[in-house]
N, C-alpha and C. Protein backbone atom coordinates (compact mmCIF):
# COMPACT_ATOMS: atom_id res chain seq x y z
N MET A 1 45.96 124.41 140.08
CA MET A 1 45.13 124.93 139.01
C MET A 1 44.62 123.81 138.19
N ASP A 2 43.42 123.86 137.85
CA ASP A 2 42.77 122.69 137.07
C ASP A 2 43.33 122.91 135.63
N LEU A 3 44.24 122.14 135.20
CA LEU A 3 44.72 122.33 133.82
C LEU A 3 43.77 122.01 132.76
N GLY A 4 42.62 121.38 133.08
CA GLY A 4 41.54 121.19 132.11
C GLY A 4 40.43 122.16 132.27
N ALA A 5 40.65 123.19 133.06
CA ALA A 5 39.53 124.22 133.27
C ALA A 5 39.31 124.98 132.06
N LYS A 6 37.99 125.40 131.98
CA LYS A 6 37.63 126.20 130.85
C LYS A 6 38.19 127.66 130.89
N ASN A 7 38.33 128.10 132.15
CA ASN A 7 38.78 129.54 132.37
C ASN A 7 40.21 129.52 132.73
N LEU A 8 41.05 128.91 131.94
CA LEU A 8 42.50 128.89 132.18
C LEU A 8 43.21 129.76 131.21
N LEU A 9 44.04 130.70 131.59
CA LEU A 9 44.81 131.49 130.77
C LEU A 9 46.31 131.16 130.96
N ALA A 10 47.07 131.04 129.88
CA ALA A 10 48.49 130.76 130.09
C ALA A 10 49.27 131.63 129.10
N ALA A 11 50.54 131.88 129.47
CA ALA A 11 51.30 132.78 128.69
C ALA A 11 52.71 132.52 128.98
N GLU A 12 53.69 132.92 128.13
CA GLU A 12 55.10 132.88 128.29
C GLU A 12 55.72 134.16 127.80
N LEU A 13 56.57 134.74 128.59
CA LEU A 13 57.17 136.05 128.24
C LEU A 13 58.55 136.01 128.80
N GLU A 14 59.53 136.20 127.89
CA GLU A 14 61.00 136.20 128.15
C GLU A 14 61.33 134.97 129.02
N GLY A 15 60.83 133.81 128.72
CA GLY A 15 61.20 132.56 129.40
C GLY A 15 60.42 132.31 130.68
N GLN A 16 59.52 133.24 131.10
CA GLN A 16 58.75 132.97 132.28
C GLN A 16 57.36 132.60 131.85
N LYS A 17 56.91 131.59 132.44
CA LYS A 17 55.57 130.91 132.17
C LYS A 17 54.63 131.32 133.23
N ILE A 18 53.43 131.73 132.90
CA ILE A 18 52.37 132.04 133.87
C ILE A 18 51.14 131.29 133.51
N ALA A 19 50.37 130.90 134.52
CA ALA A 19 48.97 130.29 134.29
C ALA A 19 48.05 130.92 135.22
N ILE A 20 46.87 131.20 134.78
CA ILE A 20 45.95 131.91 135.66
C ILE A 20 44.53 131.22 135.51
N GLU A 21 43.95 130.79 136.58
CA GLU A 21 42.60 130.07 136.50
C GLU A 21 41.67 131.09 137.25
N ILE A 22 40.56 131.31 136.47
CA ILE A 22 39.57 132.25 136.94
C ILE A 22 38.60 131.39 137.85
N LYS A 23 38.45 131.72 139.05
CA LYS A 23 37.63 130.98 140.04
C LYS A 23 36.26 131.82 140.22
N SER A 24 35.17 131.02 140.44
CA SER A 24 33.98 131.62 140.81
C SER A 24 33.53 131.12 142.26
N PHE A 25 32.98 132.02 142.97
CA PHE A 25 32.52 131.62 144.38
C PHE A 25 30.97 131.63 144.31
N LEU A 26 30.39 130.59 143.87
CA LEU A 26 28.92 130.43 143.56
C LEU A 26 28.21 129.61 144.55
N ASN A 27 28.92 128.89 145.36
CA ASN A 27 28.20 128.01 146.35
C ASN A 27 27.57 128.80 147.46
N PRO A 28 26.70 128.29 148.27
CA PRO A 28 26.12 129.04 149.27
C PRO A 28 27.06 129.48 150.36
N SER A 29 28.22 128.82 150.53
CA SER A 29 29.32 129.24 151.44
C SER A 29 30.48 129.65 150.73
N PRO A 30 30.57 130.97 150.70
CA PRO A 30 31.89 131.55 150.01
C PRO A 30 33.10 131.21 150.77
N LEU A 31 33.02 131.00 152.04
CA LEU A 31 34.18 130.58 152.82
C LEU A 31 34.66 129.25 152.39
N HIS A 32 33.73 128.32 152.20
CA HIS A 32 34.12 126.95 151.67
C HIS A 32 34.87 127.00 150.29
N ASP A 33 34.29 127.85 149.44
CA ASP A 33 34.85 128.02 148.09
C ASP A 33 36.22 128.55 148.27
N LEU A 34 36.50 129.58 149.13
CA LEU A 34 37.76 130.15 149.41
C LEU A 34 38.72 129.14 149.92
N GLU A 35 38.27 128.30 150.88
CA GLU A 35 39.06 127.30 151.44
C GLU A 35 39.63 126.28 150.30
N GLN A 36 38.67 125.94 149.47
CA GLN A 36 39.08 125.03 148.30
C GLN A 36 40.03 125.64 147.31
N ALA A 37 39.84 126.85 147.09
CA ALA A 37 40.64 127.61 146.15
C ALA A 37 42.08 127.73 146.71
N VAL A 38 42.26 128.09 148.02
CA VAL A 38 43.49 128.20 148.67
C VAL A 38 44.24 126.84 148.71
N GLY A 39 43.50 125.79 149.06
CA GLY A 39 44.01 124.45 149.16
C GLY A 39 44.51 124.02 147.82
N GLN A 40 43.78 124.26 146.75
CA GLN A 40 44.11 123.88 145.41
C GLN A 40 45.41 124.69 145.04
N PHE A 41 45.51 125.91 145.32
CA PHE A 41 46.72 126.78 145.07
C PHE A 41 47.89 126.18 145.67
N VAL A 42 47.78 125.85 147.03
CA VAL A 42 48.96 125.31 147.71
C VAL A 42 49.36 123.95 147.09
N LEU A 43 48.47 123.05 146.82
CA LEU A 43 48.69 121.69 146.27
C LEU A 43 49.54 121.92 144.91
N TYR A 44 48.84 122.68 144.01
CA TYR A 44 49.47 122.88 142.71
C TYR A 44 50.78 123.55 142.70
N SER A 45 50.97 124.48 143.64
CA SER A 45 52.30 125.14 143.91
C SER A 45 53.30 124.18 144.17
N LYS A 46 53.11 123.28 145.10
CA LYS A 46 54.04 122.25 145.48
C LYS A 46 54.34 121.31 144.33
N LEU A 47 53.31 120.97 143.66
CA LEU A 47 53.47 120.02 142.45
C LEU A 47 54.33 120.64 141.39
N LEU A 48 54.01 121.87 140.95
CA LEU A 48 54.79 122.59 139.98
C LEU A 48 56.23 122.79 140.42
N ALA A 49 56.45 123.15 141.68
CA ALA A 49 57.72 123.32 142.15
C ALA A 49 58.58 122.11 142.03
N GLN A 50 57.97 120.93 142.25
CA GLN A 50 58.75 119.68 141.99
C GLN A 50 59.10 119.41 140.61
N GLN A 51 58.22 119.71 139.66
CA GLN A 51 58.36 119.39 138.19
C GLN A 51 59.17 120.55 137.55
N GLU A 52 59.00 121.78 137.99
CA GLU A 52 59.64 122.92 137.35
C GLU A 52 60.47 123.60 138.45
N ARG A 53 61.76 123.35 138.51
CA ARG A 53 62.58 123.82 139.63
C ARG A 53 62.66 125.35 139.63
N HIS A 54 62.45 126.07 138.50
CA HIS A 54 62.49 127.52 138.40
C HIS A 54 61.15 128.19 138.61
N TRP A 55 60.04 127.27 138.91
CA TRP A 55 58.74 127.91 139.13
C TRP A 55 58.59 128.43 140.52
N THR A 56 57.99 129.62 140.69
CA THR A 56 57.72 130.14 141.99
C THR A 56 56.31 130.67 142.03
N ALA A 57 55.66 130.70 143.08
CA ALA A 57 54.33 131.18 143.27
C ALA A 57 54.43 132.57 143.71
N ASN A 58 53.81 133.52 142.93
CA ASN A 58 53.82 134.96 143.30
C ASN A 58 52.44 135.40 143.55
């Protein structure tokens, strides 16, 4: 997730933290946009899991 993104939502409830980034698929190739979004999700999931041991991707 782009932590500097304009469309980033974050919250904490009962000790659980969530962050949501709103993505747009505006390029001529929606498949390319999807590939980038999934790759970004996997990368950030791994980075967050290393920093926050209790973090899981749901």
